[in-house]
């Protein structure tokens, strides 16, 4: 795989709580340079200046980040505001407490609420990526969370925020998520992807997007 091809898998990401507007501007400049799939950052930095990100690069914003413990209507409002301010993709964190308690109806309701919110707010279909925090879950919980997410409108399932103490993406989790959702739903691996070798391992395991802040190092090999 060439570096140009690999770049189209990458969501170039900056989610540090201390990130500044200047750093987000630099992130977008790097995204243009590398020609990645998307930039990903917190919604407080929206709207962006006109022309900062070309239309072929998606603007992804996180919702309910990083804990996922926000109320469903708060997540829906946050997603709506992000779309209205220019986001084209939403990366939503699931409520881990619902997963641990097997409250699948409540889990589905919050995904459905965000799906409805962004569908109403966007002029064209905005992608919804649902973060399950796979390293904190058993295989059975991963399978159930992915099924609930897809049943309620997720376009992607995503491994991790990169902020949970349990860790980030693993090859095993990506393989299991791909097996669970099939070929028509995206799988995004995120958290701890810092080398080209790891990036390619995740793609070979079934990932169709990679969330990383180490894009330059990965593409340089």
N, C-alpha and C. Protein backbone atom coordinates (compact mmCIF):
# COMPACT_ATOMS: atom_id res chain seq x y z
N UNK A 1 0.84 -1.19 0.00
CA UNK A 1 0.00 0.00 0.00
C UNK A 1 0.88 1.25 0.00
N UNK A 2 0.58 2.16 -0.92
CA UNK A 2 1.35 3.40 -0.95
C UNK A 2 0.92 4.32 0.19
N UNK A 3 1.76 5.31 0.47
CA UNK A 3 1.41 6.28 1.51
C UNK A 3 0.16 7.06 1.13
N UNK A 4 -0.01 7.33 -0.15
CA UNK A 4 -1.20 8.05 -0.61
C UNK A 4 -2.47 7.23 -0.36
N UNK A 5 -2.38 5.94 -0.61
CA UNK A 5 -3.52 5.06 -0.36
C UNK A 5 -3.80 4.93 1.13
N UNK A 6 -2.75 4.80 1.92
CA UNK A 6 -2.90 4.66 3.36
C UNK A 6 -3.53 5.91 3.97
N UNK A 7 -3.18 7.07 3.45
CA UNK A 7 -3.71 8.33 3.98
C UNK A 7 -5.23 8.38 3.92
N UNK A 8 -5.84 7.74 2.92
CA UNK A 8 -7.29 7.79 2.77
C UNK A 8 -8.02 6.92 3.78
N UNK A 9 -7.28 6.18 4.62
CA UNK A 9 -7.87 5.45 5.74
C UNK A 9 -7.88 6.29 7.03
N UNK A 10 -7.17 7.40 7.02
CA UNK A 10 -6.84 8.07 8.29
C UNK A 10 -7.76 9.25 8.60
N UNK A 11 -8.24 9.25 9.87
CA UNK A 11 -8.86 10.44 10.46
C UNK A 11 -7.75 11.11 11.28
N UNK A 12 -7.22 12.21 10.78
CA UNK A 12 -6.12 12.93 11.43
C UNK A 12 -6.67 13.66 12.64
N UNK A 13 -6.19 13.32 13.83
CA UNK A 13 -6.92 13.59 15.06
C UNK A 13 -6.14 14.42 16.07
N UNK A 14 -6.85 15.35 16.72
CA UNK A 14 -6.32 16.06 17.87
C UNK A 14 -7.47 16.26 18.85
N UNK A 15 -7.41 15.53 19.97
CA UNK A 15 -8.48 15.57 20.96
C UNK A 15 -7.95 15.91 22.36
N UNK A 16 -6.72 16.35 22.45
CA UNK A 16 -6.17 16.72 23.75
C UNK A 16 -7.00 17.85 24.36
N UNK A 17 -7.33 17.77 25.64
CA UNK A 17 -8.15 18.81 26.25
C UNK A 17 -7.51 20.19 26.24
N UNK A 18 -6.18 20.23 26.14
CA UNK A 18 -5.48 21.52 26.12
C UNK A 18 -5.22 22.03 24.71
N UNK A 19 -5.79 21.39 23.70
CA UNK A 19 -5.59 21.82 22.32
C UNK A 19 -6.06 23.26 22.13
N UNK A 20 -5.33 23.99 21.29
CA UNK A 20 -5.66 25.39 21.02
C UNK A 20 -6.19 25.54 19.59
N UNK A 21 -6.78 26.71 19.32
CA UNK A 21 -7.28 26.99 17.98
C UNK A 21 -6.16 26.95 16.95
N UNK A 22 -4.97 27.45 17.33
CA UNK A 22 -3.83 27.41 16.42
C UNK A 22 -3.45 25.97 16.08
N UNK A 23 -3.49 25.10 17.08
CA UNK A 23 -3.15 23.69 16.84
C UNK A 23 -4.18 23.03 15.92
N UNK A 24 -5.44 23.39 16.05
CA UNK A 24 -6.46 22.85 15.15
C UNK A 24 -6.24 23.37 13.73
N UNK A 25 -5.86 24.62 13.61
CA UNK A 25 -5.53 25.16 12.29
C UNK A 25 -4.37 24.40 11.67
N UNK A 26 -3.35 24.11 12.47
CA UNK A 26 -2.21 23.33 11.97
C UNK A 26 -2.63 21.90 11.62
N UNK A 27 -3.52 21.33 12.42
CA UNK A 27 -4.04 19.99 12.12
C UNK A 27 -4.70 19.96 10.75
N UNK A 28 -5.49 20.97 10.46
CA UNK A 28 -6.17 21.03 9.17
C UNK A 28 -5.18 21.23 8.03
N UNK A 29 -4.14 22.02 8.26
CA UNK A 29 -3.10 22.19 7.24
C UNK A 29 -2.39 20.87 6.95
N UNK A 30 -2.11 20.12 8.01
CA UNK A 30 -1.49 18.80 7.83
C UNK A 30 -2.43 17.86 7.09
N UNK A 31 -3.72 17.94 7.39
CA UNK A 31 -4.70 17.10 6.71
C UNK A 31 -4.71 17.37 5.21
N UNK A 32 -4.62 18.64 4.84
CA UNK A 32 -4.55 18.99 3.42
C UNK A 32 -3.27 18.46 2.80
N UNK A 33 -2.17 18.59 3.51
CA UNK A 33 -0.88 18.12 3.01
C UNK A 33 -0.88 16.61 2.77
N UNK A 34 -1.43 15.86 3.74
CA UNK A 34 -1.41 14.40 3.65
C UNK A 34 -2.57 13.85 2.83
N UNK A 35 -3.61 14.68 2.60
CA UNK A 35 -4.81 14.27 1.87
C UNK A 35 -5.47 13.05 2.54
N UNK A 36 -5.79 13.22 3.82
CA UNK A 36 -6.38 12.15 4.61
C UNK A 36 -7.88 12.07 4.36
N UNK A 37 -8.52 11.07 4.99
CA UNK A 37 -9.97 10.93 4.86
C UNK A 37 -10.71 12.01 5.62
N UNK A 38 -10.22 12.33 6.84
CA UNK A 38 -10.95 13.27 7.70
C UNK A 38 -10.01 13.91 8.71
N UNK A 39 -10.45 15.03 9.24
CA UNK A 39 -9.87 15.58 10.47
C UNK A 39 -10.86 15.30 11.59
N UNK A 40 -10.34 15.11 12.80
CA UNK A 40 -11.20 14.80 13.93
C UNK A 40 -10.77 15.61 15.15
N UNK A 41 -11.72 16.36 15.73
CA UNK A 41 -11.40 17.22 16.87
C UNK A 41 -12.67 17.49 17.65
N UNK A 42 -12.55 18.24 18.73
CA UNK A 42 -13.69 18.55 19.58
C UNK A 42 -14.59 19.60 18.92
N UNK A 43 -15.91 19.53 19.13
CA UNK A 43 -16.83 20.42 18.43
C UNK A 43 -16.75 21.88 18.85
N UNK A 44 -16.08 22.16 19.95
CA UNK A 44 -15.95 23.56 20.38
C UNK A 44 -15.13 24.39 19.40
N UNK A 45 -14.38 23.74 18.50
CA UNK A 45 -13.56 24.47 17.53
C UNK A 45 -14.33 24.80 16.25
N UNK A 46 -15.56 24.39 16.17
CA UNK A 46 -16.40 24.73 15.02
C UNK A 46 -17.13 26.06 15.27
N UNK A 47 -17.46 26.77 14.20
CA UNK A 47 -17.15 26.46 12.81
C UNK A 47 -15.73 26.83 12.44
N UNK A 48 -15.21 26.13 11.43
CA UNK A 48 -13.88 26.43 10.93
C UNK A 48 -13.94 27.58 9.92
N UNK A 49 -12.82 28.22 9.73
CA UNK A 49 -12.74 29.26 8.70
C UNK A 49 -12.99 28.65 7.32
N UNK A 50 -13.65 29.39 6.47
CA UNK A 50 -13.97 28.91 5.13
C UNK A 50 -12.68 28.56 4.38
N UNK A 51 -12.63 27.38 3.79
CA UNK A 51 -11.48 26.95 3.00
C UNK A 51 -10.38 26.28 3.79
N UNK A 52 -10.52 26.22 5.11
CA UNK A 52 -9.47 25.61 5.93
C UNK A 52 -9.35 24.12 5.65
N UNK A 53 -10.48 23.46 5.41
CA UNK A 53 -10.49 22.05 5.05
C UNK A 53 -11.21 21.90 3.72
N UNK A 54 -10.57 21.31 2.70
CA UNK A 54 -11.24 21.13 1.41
C UNK A 54 -12.42 20.17 1.54
N UNK A 55 -13.36 20.28 0.63
CA UNK A 55 -14.61 19.51 0.74
C UNK A 55 -14.38 18.00 0.66
N UNK A 56 -13.28 17.58 0.04
CA UNK A 56 -13.04 16.14 -0.08
C UNK A 56 -12.54 15.51 1.23
N UNK A 57 -12.18 16.33 2.20
CA UNK A 57 -11.77 15.84 3.52
C UNK A 57 -12.92 16.06 4.50
N UNK A 58 -13.37 15.00 5.14
CA UNK A 58 -14.49 15.09 6.07
C UNK A 58 -14.07 15.80 7.36
N UNK A 59 -15.05 16.39 8.02
CA UNK A 59 -14.84 17.02 9.33
C UNK A 59 -15.58 16.19 10.36
N UNK A 60 -14.82 15.47 11.18
CA UNK A 60 -15.41 14.59 12.20
C UNK A 60 -15.28 15.25 13.57
N UNK A 61 -16.36 15.23 14.34
CA UNK A 61 -16.34 15.76 15.69
C UNK A 61 -16.84 14.72 16.68
N UNK A 62 -16.30 14.76 17.88
CA UNK A 62 -16.68 13.80 18.92
C UNK A 62 -17.86 14.31 19.72
N UNK A 63 -18.66 13.36 20.21
CA UNK A 63 -19.86 13.66 21.00
C UNK A 63 -19.87 12.75 22.23
N UNK A 64 -20.17 13.32 23.39
CA UNK A 64 -20.16 12.54 24.62
C UNK A 64 -18.77 12.09 24.99
N UNK A 65 -17.80 12.90 24.64
CA UNK A 65 -16.39 12.51 24.75
C UNK A 65 -15.78 13.05 26.04
N UNK A 66 -14.92 12.27 26.71
CA UNK A 66 -14.52 10.90 26.39
C UNK A 66 -15.25 9.82 27.17
N UNK A 67 -16.09 10.18 28.15
CA UNK A 67 -16.63 9.18 29.06
C UNK A 67 -17.83 8.43 28.50
N UNK A 68 -18.63 9.10 27.67
CA UNK A 68 -19.86 8.50 27.17
C UNK A 68 -20.99 8.52 28.17
N UNK A 69 -20.78 9.10 29.35
CA UNK A 69 -21.76 9.05 30.42
C UNK A 69 -22.77 10.20 30.37
N UNK A 70 -22.79 10.95 29.29
CA UNK A 70 -23.73 12.05 29.12
C UNK A 70 -25.14 11.52 28.84
N UNK A 71 -26.13 12.30 29.16
CA UNK A 71 -27.51 11.94 28.83
C UNK A 71 -27.70 11.90 27.32
N UNK A 72 -28.61 11.06 26.88
CA UNK A 72 -28.83 10.87 25.44
C UNK A 72 -29.22 12.17 24.75
N UNK A 73 -30.09 12.97 25.38
CA UNK A 73 -30.51 14.21 24.74
C UNK A 73 -29.38 15.23 24.67
N UNK A 74 -28.45 15.16 25.61
CA UNK A 74 -27.28 16.04 25.58
C UNK A 74 -26.38 15.63 24.40
N UNK A 75 -26.18 14.34 24.22
CA UNK A 75 -25.40 13.87 23.08
C UNK A 75 -26.05 14.29 21.76
N UNK A 76 -27.37 14.17 21.70
CA UNK A 76 -28.10 14.53 20.49
C UNK A 76 -27.96 16.03 20.20
N UNK A 77 -28.06 16.86 21.25
CA UNK A 77 -27.92 18.30 21.07
C UNK A 77 -26.50 18.65 20.61
N UNK A 78 -25.51 18.02 21.25
CA UNK A 78 -24.11 18.28 20.89
C UNK A 78 -23.86 17.91 19.43
N UNK A 79 -24.43 16.78 19.00
CA UNK A 79 -24.27 16.33 17.61
C UNK A 79 -24.96 17.30 16.65
N UNK A 80 -26.16 17.73 17.01
CA UNK A 80 -26.88 18.68 16.17
C UNK A 80 -26.09 19.96 15.98
N UNK A 81 -25.58 20.51 17.09
CA UNK A 81 -24.81 21.74 17.00
C UNK A 81 -23.56 21.56 16.15
N UNK A 82 -22.90 20.41 16.28
CA UNK A 82 -21.70 20.15 15.47
C UNK A 82 -22.03 20.11 13.99
N UNK A 83 -23.11 19.45 13.63
CA UNK A 83 -23.51 19.38 12.22
C UNK A 83 -23.87 20.77 11.69
N UNK A 84 -24.62 21.52 12.48
CA UNK A 84 -25.00 22.87 12.06
C UNK A 84 -23.79 23.76 11.86
N UNK A 85 -22.71 23.47 12.59
CA UNK A 85 -21.49 24.28 12.49
C UNK A 85 -20.46 23.72 11.52
N UNK A 86 -20.83 22.69 10.76
CA UNK A 86 -19.96 22.25 9.67
C UNK A 86 -19.42 20.85 9.74
N UNK A 87 -19.67 20.10 10.82
CA UNK A 87 -19.20 18.72 10.88
C UNK A 87 -19.96 17.87 9.86
N UNK A 88 -19.27 16.90 9.29
CA UNK A 88 -19.90 15.97 8.34
C UNK A 88 -19.90 14.54 8.86
N UNK A 89 -19.19 14.31 9.97
CA UNK A 89 -19.17 13.00 10.62
C UNK A 89 -19.19 13.20 12.13
N UNK A 90 -19.86 12.30 12.83
CA UNK A 90 -19.95 12.36 14.28
C UNK A 90 -19.40 11.07 14.87
N UNK A 91 -18.45 11.21 15.81
CA UNK A 91 -17.89 10.06 16.54
C UNK A 91 -18.46 10.11 17.96
N UNK A 92 -19.42 9.25 18.23
CA UNK A 92 -20.19 9.27 19.47
C UNK A 92 -19.70 8.19 20.42
N UNK A 93 -19.51 8.54 21.69
CA UNK A 93 -19.09 7.56 22.70
C UNK A 93 -20.32 6.94 23.35
N UNK A 94 -20.39 5.60 23.34
CA UNK A 94 -21.48 4.91 24.01
C UNK A 94 -21.36 5.00 25.52
N UNK A 95 -22.47 4.82 26.20
CA UNK A 95 -22.51 4.77 27.66
C UNK A 95 -22.05 3.39 28.12
N UNK A 96 -20.86 3.32 28.67
CA UNK A 96 -20.31 2.03 29.11
C UNK A 96 -21.14 1.42 30.23
N UNK A 97 -21.74 2.25 31.06
CA UNK A 97 -22.58 1.73 32.13
C UNK A 97 -23.74 0.93 31.59
N UNK A 98 -24.32 1.38 30.47
CA UNK A 98 -25.41 0.63 29.83
C UNK A 98 -24.91 -0.72 29.35
N UNK A 99 -23.69 -0.75 28.79
CA UNK A 99 -23.14 -2.01 28.29
C UNK A 99 -22.89 -2.96 29.45
N UNK A 100 -22.26 -2.46 30.50
CA UNK A 100 -21.94 -3.31 31.64
C UNK A 100 -23.19 -3.85 32.33
N UNK A 101 -24.28 -3.07 32.27
CA UNK A 101 -25.53 -3.49 32.90
C UNK A 101 -26.44 -4.23 31.93
N UNK A 102 -26.00 -4.40 30.70
CA UNK A 102 -26.81 -5.04 29.65
C UNK A 102 -28.13 -4.31 29.43
N UNK A 103 -28.09 -2.99 29.54
CA UNK A 103 -29.27 -2.16 29.27
C UNK A 103 -29.31 -1.83 27.78
N UNK A 104 -29.61 -2.85 26.98
CA UNK A 104 -29.48 -2.72 25.53
C UNK A 104 -30.51 -1.77 24.94
N UNK A 105 -31.72 -1.72 25.52
CA UNK A 105 -32.72 -0.80 25.01
C UNK A 105 -32.29 0.65 25.20
N UNK A 106 -31.77 0.97 26.39
CA UNK A 106 -31.28 2.33 26.64
C UNK A 106 -30.10 2.66 25.73
N UNK A 107 -29.22 1.68 25.52
CA UNK A 107 -28.07 1.89 24.65
C UNK A 107 -28.54 2.19 23.22
N UNK A 108 -29.50 1.41 22.76
CA UNK A 108 -30.02 1.64 21.42
C UNK A 108 -30.72 2.98 21.29
N UNK A 109 -31.43 3.37 22.35
CA UNK A 109 -32.15 4.64 22.31
C UNK A 109 -31.21 5.82 22.14
N UNK A 110 -30.03 5.79 22.80
CA UNK A 110 -29.13 6.93 22.68
C UNK A 110 -28.48 6.99 21.30
N UNK A 111 -28.17 5.83 20.72
CA UNK A 111 -27.66 5.84 19.35
C UNK A 111 -28.72 6.36 18.39
N UNK A 112 -29.96 5.88 18.56
CA UNK A 112 -31.05 6.32 17.69
C UNK A 112 -31.30 7.82 17.83
N UNK A 113 -31.16 8.35 19.05
CA UNK A 113 -31.37 9.78 19.28
C UNK A 113 -30.34 10.62 18.53
N UNK A 114 -29.09 10.19 18.57
CA UNK A 114 -28.04 10.92 17.85
C UNK A 114 -28.20 10.76 16.34
N UNK A 115 -28.56 9.55 15.90
CA UNK A 115 -28.79 9.33 14.46
C UNK A 115 -29.90 10.25 13.95
N UNK A 116 -31.01 10.32 14.70
CA UNK A 116 -32.11 11.18 14.29
C UNK A 116 -31.70 12.65 14.29
N UNK A 117 -30.95 13.05 15.30
CA UNK A 117 -30.53 14.45 15.41
C UNK A 117 -29.67 14.88 14.23
N UNK A 118 -28.70 14.05 13.87
CA UNK A 118 -27.81 14.48 12.79
C UNK A 118 -28.47 14.32 11.42
N UNK A 119 -29.40 13.40 11.31
CA UNK A 119 -30.14 13.27 10.04
C UNK A 119 -31.03 14.48 9.82
N UNK A 120 -31.59 15.01 10.89
CA UNK A 120 -32.44 16.20 10.80
C UNK A 120 -31.61 17.44 10.51
N UNK A 121 -30.42 17.51 11.11
CA UNK A 121 -29.60 18.73 11.01
C UNK A 121 -28.81 18.81 9.71
N UNK A 122 -28.51 17.68 9.09
CA UNK A 122 -27.62 17.69 7.93
C UNK A 122 -28.39 17.69 6.62
N UNK A 123 -27.86 18.39 5.64
CA UNK A 123 -28.48 18.45 4.31
C UNK A 123 -28.26 17.17 3.54
N UNK A 124 -27.14 16.51 3.79
CA UNK A 124 -26.91 15.18 3.23
C UNK A 124 -26.50 14.27 4.39
N UNK A 125 -26.62 12.96 4.19
CA UNK A 125 -26.41 12.03 5.29
C UNK A 125 -25.01 12.19 5.90
N UNK A 126 -24.98 12.50 7.19
CA UNK A 126 -23.73 12.58 7.93
C UNK A 126 -23.42 11.21 8.52
N UNK A 127 -22.16 10.82 8.47
CA UNK A 127 -21.77 9.51 9.01
C UNK A 127 -21.78 9.54 10.53
N UNK A 128 -22.28 8.44 11.10
CA UNK A 128 -22.27 8.27 12.55
C UNK A 128 -21.35 7.11 12.91
N UNK A 129 -20.28 7.43 13.65
CA UNK A 129 -19.36 6.41 14.15
C UNK A 129 -19.61 6.26 15.64
N UNK A 130 -19.78 5.03 16.10
CA UNK A 130 -20.12 4.76 17.50
C UNK A 130 -18.94 4.09 18.19
N UNK A 131 -18.42 4.76 19.21
CA UNK A 131 -17.24 4.29 19.95
C UNK A 131 -17.68 3.38 21.08
N UNK A 132 -17.18 2.14 21.08
CA UNK A 132 -17.63 1.16 22.08
C UNK A 132 -16.62 0.95 23.21
N UNK A 133 -15.42 1.49 23.09
CA UNK A 133 -14.34 1.30 24.08
C UNK A 133 -14.04 -0.20 24.25
N UNK A 134 -13.62 -0.81 23.15
CA UNK A 134 -13.51 -2.27 23.06
C UNK A 134 -12.56 -2.88 24.08
N UNK A 135 -11.49 -2.18 24.45
CA UNK A 135 -10.53 -2.76 25.39
C UNK A 135 -11.10 -2.90 26.80
N UNK A 136 -12.20 -2.22 27.06
CA UNK A 136 -12.84 -2.31 28.38
C UNK A 136 -13.95 -3.36 28.40
N UNK A 137 -14.15 -4.08 27.28
CA UNK A 137 -15.27 -4.99 27.15
C UNK A 137 -14.82 -6.43 26.92
N UNK A 138 -15.70 -7.36 27.27
CA UNK A 138 -15.50 -8.76 26.89
C UNK A 138 -15.89 -8.93 25.43
N UNK A 139 -15.53 -10.07 24.86
CA UNK A 139 -15.93 -10.34 23.48
C UNK A 139 -17.44 -10.29 23.32
N UNK A 140 -18.16 -10.87 24.29
CA UNK A 140 -19.61 -10.89 24.21
C UNK A 140 -20.19 -9.48 24.27
N UNK A 141 -19.59 -8.61 25.08
CA UNK A 141 -20.05 -7.22 25.16
C UNK A 141 -19.74 -6.47 23.88
N UNK A 142 -18.58 -6.73 23.28
CA UNK A 142 -18.24 -6.10 22.00
C UNK A 142 -19.27 -6.46 20.94
N UNK A 143 -19.59 -7.74 20.85
CA UNK A 143 -20.55 -8.21 19.86
C UNK A 143 -21.91 -7.54 20.07
N UNK A 144 -22.38 -7.54 21.32
CA UNK A 144 -23.69 -6.97 21.61
C UNK A 144 -23.72 -5.47 21.34
N UNK A 145 -22.68 -4.75 21.76
CA UNK A 145 -22.64 -3.30 21.55
C UNK A 145 -22.62 -2.96 20.07
N UNK A 146 -21.87 -3.71 19.29
CA UNK A 146 -21.81 -3.47 17.84
C UNK A 146 -23.17 -3.72 17.20
N UNK A 147 -23.83 -4.80 17.60
CA UNK A 147 -25.14 -5.12 17.03
C UNK A 147 -26.17 -4.04 17.36
N UNK A 148 -26.16 -3.57 18.58
CA UNK A 148 -27.10 -2.52 18.98
C UNK A 148 -26.81 -1.23 18.21
N UNK A 149 -25.54 -0.88 18.09
CA UNK A 149 -25.17 0.35 17.37
C UNK A 149 -25.65 0.32 15.93
N UNK A 150 -25.39 -0.79 15.25
CA UNK A 150 -25.77 -0.91 13.84
C UNK A 150 -27.29 -0.91 13.68
N UNK A 151 -27.98 -1.62 14.57
CA UNK A 151 -29.44 -1.69 14.50
C UNK A 151 -30.10 -0.34 14.67
N UNK A 152 -29.39 0.61 15.30
CA UNK A 152 -29.96 1.92 15.57
C UNK A 152 -29.34 3.04 14.75
N UNK A 153 -28.65 2.68 13.67
CA UNK A 153 -28.26 3.70 12.71
C UNK A 153 -26.79 4.01 12.57
N UNK A 154 -25.91 3.27 13.23
CA UNK A 154 -24.47 3.54 13.10
C UNK A 154 -23.98 3.17 11.71
N UNK A 155 -23.13 4.03 11.15
CA UNK A 155 -22.46 3.73 9.88
C UNK A 155 -21.11 3.06 10.12
N UNK A 156 -20.53 3.32 11.29
CA UNK A 156 -19.25 2.76 11.70
C UNK A 156 -19.35 2.33 13.16
N UNK A 157 -18.61 1.31 13.52
CA UNK A 157 -18.31 1.05 14.92
C UNK A 157 -16.82 1.34 15.11
N UNK A 158 -16.48 1.90 16.24
CA UNK A 158 -15.11 2.39 16.49
C UNK A 158 -14.61 1.82 17.80
N UNK A 159 -13.35 1.43 17.82
CA UNK A 159 -12.81 0.71 18.97
C UNK A 159 -12.76 1.56 20.23
N UNK A 160 -12.20 2.76 20.16
CA UNK A 160 -11.75 3.42 21.39
C UNK A 160 -11.72 4.93 21.27
N UNK A 161 -11.78 5.57 22.43
CA UNK A 161 -11.53 7.02 22.49
C UNK A 161 -10.04 7.33 22.51
N UNK A 162 -9.24 6.38 23.01
CA UNK A 162 -7.83 6.64 23.25
C UNK A 162 -7.57 7.25 24.61
N UNK A 163 -8.64 7.46 25.40
CA UNK A 163 -8.51 8.09 26.71
C UNK A 163 -8.84 7.14 27.85
N UNK A 164 -9.34 5.96 27.56
CA UNK A 164 -9.73 5.03 28.63
C UNK A 164 -8.51 4.28 29.15
N UNK A 165 -8.50 4.03 30.45
CA UNK A 165 -7.36 3.37 31.08
C UNK A 165 -7.13 1.95 30.57
N UNK A 166 -8.14 1.34 29.95
CA UNK A 166 -8.01 -0.03 29.46
C UNK A 166 -7.16 -0.14 28.20
N UNK A 167 -6.97 0.98 27.50
CA UNK A 167 -6.14 0.95 26.29
C UNK A 167 -6.93 1.26 25.04
N UNK A 168 -6.28 1.07 23.90
CA UNK A 168 -6.87 1.43 22.62
C UNK A 168 -7.19 0.23 21.76
N UNK A 169 -7.00 0.39 20.46
CA UNK A 169 -7.37 -0.64 19.50
C UNK A 169 -6.46 -1.86 19.59
N UNK A 170 -7.04 -3.03 19.35
CA UNK A 170 -6.27 -4.27 19.21
C UNK A 170 -6.72 -4.97 17.94
N UNK A 171 -5.84 -5.77 17.40
CA UNK A 171 -6.18 -6.54 16.20
C UNK A 171 -7.36 -7.46 16.48
N UNK A 172 -7.36 -8.09 17.65
CA UNK A 172 -8.45 -9.00 17.99
C UNK A 172 -9.79 -8.28 17.99
N UNK A 173 -9.85 -7.11 18.60
CA UNK A 173 -11.10 -6.37 18.66
C UNK A 173 -11.58 -5.97 17.27
N UNK A 174 -10.67 -5.52 16.44
CA UNK A 174 -11.04 -5.13 15.08
C UNK A 174 -11.56 -6.33 14.30
N UNK A 175 -10.90 -7.46 14.42
CA UNK A 175 -11.36 -8.67 13.74
C UNK A 175 -12.76 -9.05 14.20
N UNK A 176 -12.99 -9.00 15.51
CA UNK A 176 -14.28 -9.37 16.06
C UNK A 176 -15.37 -8.39 15.63
N UNK A 177 -15.05 -7.12 15.63
CA UNK A 177 -16.02 -6.11 15.21
C UNK A 177 -16.37 -6.27 13.73
N UNK A 178 -15.37 -6.53 12.91
CA UNK A 178 -15.63 -6.75 11.48
C UNK A 178 -16.50 -7.99 11.27
N UNK A 179 -16.20 -9.05 11.98
CA UNK A 179 -16.99 -10.28 11.87
C UNK A 179 -18.44 -10.02 12.29
N UNK A 180 -18.62 -9.19 13.31
CA UNK A 180 -19.96 -8.91 13.84
C UNK A 180 -20.79 -8.06 12.91
N UNK A 181 -20.20 -7.01 12.34
CA UNK A 181 -21.01 -6.05 11.56
C UNK A 181 -21.08 -6.36 10.09
N UNK A 182 -20.23 -7.28 9.60
CA UNK A 182 -20.26 -7.61 8.18
C UNK A 182 -19.51 -6.59 7.33
N UNK A 183 -19.75 -6.66 6.03
CA UNK A 183 -18.96 -5.87 5.09
C UNK A 183 -19.54 -4.49 4.79
N UNK A 184 -20.79 -4.24 5.17
CA UNK A 184 -21.43 -2.99 4.77
C UNK A 184 -21.29 -1.87 5.79
N UNK A 185 -20.78 -2.19 6.97
CA UNK A 185 -20.59 -1.20 8.04
C UNK A 185 -19.10 -0.95 8.22
N UNK A 186 -18.73 0.30 8.44
CA UNK A 186 -17.32 0.63 8.65
C UNK A 186 -16.83 0.22 10.03
N UNK A 187 -15.54 -0.04 10.12
CA UNK A 187 -14.89 -0.30 11.40
C UNK A 187 -13.71 0.67 11.51
N UNK A 188 -13.71 1.48 12.58
CA UNK A 188 -12.62 2.43 12.80
C UNK A 188 -11.79 1.98 13.99
N UNK A 189 -10.51 1.80 13.75
CA UNK A 189 -9.56 1.47 14.81
C UNK A 189 -8.91 2.76 15.30
N UNK A 190 -8.92 2.95 16.61
CA UNK A 190 -8.38 4.19 17.17
C UNK A 190 -7.80 3.93 18.54
N UNK A 191 -6.74 4.66 18.87
CA UNK A 191 -6.09 4.51 20.17
C UNK A 191 -4.83 3.67 20.06
N UNK A 192 -3.68 4.32 20.15
CA UNK A 192 -2.41 3.60 20.15
C UNK A 192 -1.84 3.26 18.80
N UNK A 193 -2.40 3.82 17.74
CA UNK A 193 -1.90 3.54 16.38
C UNK A 193 -0.87 4.61 16.04
N UNK A 194 0.40 4.23 16.12
CA UNK A 194 1.47 5.23 15.98
C UNK A 194 2.50 4.86 14.93
N UNK A 195 2.43 3.64 14.37
CA UNK A 195 3.41 3.21 13.38
C UNK A 195 2.71 2.68 12.14
N UNK A 196 3.43 2.68 11.04
CA UNK A 196 2.87 2.15 9.80
C UNK A 196 2.54 0.67 9.96
N UNK A 197 3.39 -0.07 10.66
CA UNK A 197 3.15 -1.50 10.86
C UNK A 197 1.82 -1.74 11.58
N UNK A 198 1.58 -0.99 12.65
CA UNK A 198 0.32 -1.15 13.38
C UNK A 198 -0.87 -0.74 12.53
N UNK A 199 -0.73 0.34 11.78
CA UNK A 199 -1.81 0.79 10.90
C UNK A 199 -2.19 -0.30 9.91
N UNK A 200 -1.20 -0.93 9.28
CA UNK A 200 -1.48 -1.97 8.29
C UNK A 200 -2.06 -3.21 8.95
N UNK A 201 -1.63 -3.52 10.17
CA UNK A 201 -2.22 -4.65 10.90
C UNK A 201 -3.71 -4.42 11.13
N UNK A 202 -4.08 -3.21 11.48
CA UNK A 202 -5.48 -2.90 11.72
C UNK A 202 -6.30 -2.98 10.43
N UNK A 203 -5.74 -2.50 9.35
CA UNK A 203 -6.43 -2.59 8.06
C UNK A 203 -6.59 -4.05 7.64
N UNK A 204 -5.55 -4.83 7.81
CA UNK A 204 -5.64 -6.25 7.46
C UNK A 204 -6.65 -6.99 8.32
N UNK A 205 -6.87 -6.49 9.54
CA UNK A 205 -7.84 -7.10 10.45
C UNK A 205 -9.28 -6.71 10.11
N UNK A 206 -9.44 -5.68 9.27
CA UNK A 206 -10.78 -5.29 8.84
C UNK A 206 -11.14 -3.83 9.04
N UNK A 207 -10.20 -3.02 9.52
CA UNK A 207 -10.49 -1.59 9.72
C UNK A 207 -10.58 -0.87 8.37
N UNK A 208 -11.56 0.02 8.27
CA UNK A 208 -11.69 0.85 7.08
C UNK A 208 -11.37 2.31 7.36
N UNK A 209 -11.20 2.66 8.64
CA UNK A 209 -10.69 3.96 9.06
C UNK A 209 -9.74 3.75 10.22
N UNK A 210 -8.81 4.69 10.37
CA UNK A 210 -7.86 4.70 11.46
C UNK A 210 -7.87 6.07 12.10
N UNK A 211 -8.06 6.14 13.41
CA UNK A 211 -7.95 7.40 14.11
C UNK A 211 -6.58 7.52 14.73
N UNK A 212 -5.85 8.57 14.39
CA UNK A 212 -4.48 8.70 14.91
C UNK A 212 -4.04 10.16 14.86
N UNK A 213 -3.15 10.49 15.80
CA UNK A 213 -2.49 11.80 15.78
C UNK A 213 -1.07 11.69 15.22
N UNK A 214 -0.68 10.46 14.88
CA UNK A 214 0.69 10.20 14.41
C UNK A 214 0.73 10.01 12.90
N UNK A 215 -0.11 10.74 12.19
CA UNK A 215 -0.24 10.54 10.74
C UNK A 215 1.08 10.71 10.00
N UNK A 216 1.83 11.76 10.34
CA UNK A 216 3.10 12.01 9.64
C UNK A 216 4.05 10.86 9.77
N UNK A 217 4.22 10.35 11.00
CA UNK A 217 5.13 9.22 11.23
C UNK A 217 4.66 7.97 10.53
N UNK A 218 3.36 7.73 10.53
CA UNK A 218 2.81 6.53 9.87
C UNK A 218 3.05 6.58 8.37
N UNK A 219 2.77 7.71 7.76
CA UNK A 219 2.93 7.81 6.31
C UNK A 219 4.40 7.82 5.88
N UNK A 220 5.27 8.28 6.79
CA UNK A 220 6.70 8.27 6.49
C UNK A 220 7.30 6.88 6.67
N UNK A 221 6.55 6.01 7.35
CA UNK A 221 7.01 4.63 7.51
C UNK A 221 8.02 4.47 8.62
